[in-house]
């Protein structure tokens, strides 16, 4: 549980997972629940990082740079 106590989002996700399992009438193994929650949070972080990388790539594209002067020589797209 120490991994989750430091991270408020992880702890909330863990508790929500346990509550959902109880509502379904299932008894959740705490270790399996923690693994499932951590896997889910890692997947969300990876998706967020990928989205941020895509946004940075779009912003770095000279074609999308609105601050360029009309007299600025940019590469020619062939």
C-alpha atoms as a PDB file:
ATOM      1  CA  UNK A   1       0.000   0.000   0.000  1.00  0.00           C
ATOM      2  CA  UNK A   2       2.974   2.329   0.455  1.00  0.00           C
ATOM      3  CA  UNK A   3       3.139   2.951  -3.303  1.00  0.00           C
ATOM      4  CA  UNK A   4      -0.380   4.330  -3.277  1.00  0.00           C
ATOM      5  CA  UNK A   5      -0.244   6.379  -0.089  1.00  0.00           C
ATOM      6  CA  UNK A   6       2.120   8.950  -1.605  1.00  0.00           C
ATOM      7  CA  UNK A   7       0.038   9.407  -4.741  1.00  0.00           C
ATOM      8  CA  UNK A   8      -3.460  10.718  -4.098  1.00  0.00           C
ATOM      9  CA  UNK A   9      -4.740   9.875  -7.595  1.00  0.00           C
ATOM     10  CA  UNK A  10      -3.447   6.306  -7.335  1.00  0.00           C
ATOM     11  CA  UNK A  11      -4.998   5.835  -3.907  1.00  0.00           C
ATOM     12  CA  UNK A  12      -8.360   7.166  -5.117  1.00  0.00           C
ATOM     13  CA  UNK A  13      -8.232   4.882  -8.165  1.00  0.00           C
ATOM     14  CA  UNK A  14      -7.414   1.932  -5.918  1.00  0.00           C
ATOM     15  CA  UNK A  15     -10.328   2.644  -3.594  1.00  0.00           C
ATOM     16  CA  UNK A  16     -12.690   3.182  -6.556  1.00  0.00           C
ATOM     17  CA  UNK A  17     -11.574  -0.165  -8.000  1.00  0.00           C
ATOM     18  CA  UNK A  18     -12.236  -1.954  -4.705  1.00  0.00           C
ATOM     19  CA  UNK A  19     -15.658  -0.289  -4.426  1.00  0.00           C
ATOM     20  CA  UNK A  20     -16.551  -1.322  -7.970  1.00  0.00           C
ATOM     21  CA  UNK A  21     -15.569  -4.917  -7.249  1.00  0.00           C
ATOM     22  CA  UNK A  22     -17.693  -4.936  -4.074  1.00  0.00           C
ATOM     23  CA  UNK A  23     -20.696  -3.560  -5.997  1.00  0.00           C
ATOM     24  CA  UNK A  24     -20.356  -6.476  -8.418  1.00  0.00           C
ATOM     25  CA  UNK A  25     -20.396  -8.855  -5.470  1.00  0.00           C
ATOM     26  CA  UNK A  26     -16.815  -9.959  -5.982  1.00  0.00           C
ATOM     27  CA  UNK A  27     -14.081 -10.029  -3.388  1.00  0.00           C
ATOM     28  CA  UNK A  28     -11.041  -8.259  -4.787  1.00  0.00           C
ATOM     29  CA  UNK A  29      -7.545  -9.463  -3.996  1.00  0.00           C
ATOM     30  CA  UNK A  30      -5.765  -6.304  -2.773  1.00  0.00           C
ATOM     31  CA  UNK A  31      -2.513  -7.205  -4.552  1.00  0.00           C
ATOM     32  CA  UNK A  32      -4.253  -7.900  -7.850  1.00  0.00           C
ATOM     33  CA  UNK A  33      -6.274  -4.703  -7.427  1.00  0.00           C
ATOM     34  CA  UNK A  34      -3.133  -2.658  -6.853  1.00  0.00           C
ATOM     35  CA  UNK A  35      -1.508  -4.156  -9.951  1.00  0.00           C
ATOM     36  CA  UNK A  36      -4.589  -3.411 -12.041  1.00  0.00           C
ATOM     37  CA  UNK A  37      -4.785   0.176 -10.806  1.00  0.00           C
ATOM     38  CA  UNK A  38      -1.077   0.838 -11.364  1.00  0.00           C
ATOM     39  CA  UNK A  39      -1.279  -0.650 -14.874  1.00  0.00           C
ATOM     40  CA  UNK A  40      -4.261   1.566 -15.638  1.00  0.00           C
ATOM     41  CA  UNK A  41      -2.499   4.696 -14.336  1.00  0.00           C
ATOM     42  CA  UNK A  42       0.655   3.858 -16.331  1.00  0.00           C
ATOM     43  CA  UNK A  43      -1.443   3.443 -19.474  1.00  0.00           C
ATOM     44  CA  UNK A  44      -3.089   6.832 -18.864  1.00  0.00           C
ATOM     45  CA  UNK A  45       0.323   8.476 -18.340  1.00  0.00           C
ATOM     46  CA  UNK A  46       1.676   6.901 -21.536  1.00  0.00           C
ATOM     47  CA  UNK A  47      -1.342   8.093 -23.521  1.00  0.00           C
ATOM     48  CA  UNK A  48      -0.983  11.587 -22.059  1.00  0.00           C
ATOM     49  CA  UNK A  49       2.742  11.660 -22.917  1.00  0.00           C
ATOM     50  CA  UNK A  50       2.022  10.526 -26.484  1.00  0.00           C
ATOM     51  CA  UNK A  51      -0.635  13.225 -26.882  1.00  0.00           C
ATOM     52  CA  UNK A  52       1.740  15.869 -25.520  1.00  0.00           C
ATOM     53  CA  UNK A  53       4.461  14.732 -27.935  1.00  0.00           C
ATOM     54  CA  UNK A  54       2.022  14.977 -30.851  1.00  0.00           C
ATOM     55  CA  UNK A  55       0.998  18.485 -29.775  1.00  0.00           C
ATOM     56  CA  UNK A  56       4.643  19.574 -29.526  1.00  0.00           C
ATOM     57  CA  UNK A  57       5.362  18.151 -32.985  1.00  0.00           C
ATOM     58  CA  UNK A  58       2.464  20.121 -34.448  1.00  0.00           C
ATOM     59  CA  UNK A  59       3.597  23.301 -32.705  1.00  0.00           C
ATOM     60  CA  UNK A  60       7.197  22.882 -33.903  1.00  0.00           C
ATOM     61  CA  UNK A  61       6.151  22.511 -37.540  1.00  0.00           C
ATOM     62  CA  UNK A  62       7.138  25.726 -39.390  1.00  0.00           C
ATOM     63  CA  UNK A  63       3.913  25.573 -41.391  1.00  0.00           C
ATOM     64  CA  UNK A  64       1.978  26.071 -38.139  1.00  0.00           C
ATOM     65  CA  UNK A  65       4.174  28.872 -36.817  1.00  0.00           C
ATOM     66  CA  UNK A  66       2.100  32.049 -36.959  1.00  0.00           C
ATOM     67  CA  UNK A  67       4.906  34.228 -35.584  1.00  0.00           C
ATOM     68  CA  UNK A  68       7.062  33.977 -38.700  1.00  0.00           C
ATOM     69  CA  UNK A  69       7.562  37.090 -40.719  1.00  0.00           C
ATOM     70  CA  UNK A  70       6.461  36.963 -44.366  1.00  0.00           C
ATOM     71  CA  UNK A  71      10.077  37.805 -45.151  1.00  0.00           C
ATOM     72  CA  UNK A  72      11.427  34.821 -43.245  1.00  0.00           C
ATOM     73  CA  UNK A  73      12.942  32.104 -45.456  1.00  0.00           C
ATOM     74  CA  UNK A  74      11.420  28.797 -44.458  1.00  0.00           C
ATOM     75  CA  UNK A  75      12.178  25.418 -46.071  1.00  0.00           C
ATOM     76  CA  UNK A  76      10.333  24.653 -49.281  1.00  0.00           C
ATOM     77  CA  UNK A  77       8.032  21.640 -49.123  1.00  0.00           C
ATOM     78  CA  UNK A  78       8.416  19.604 -52.283  1.00  0.00           C
END
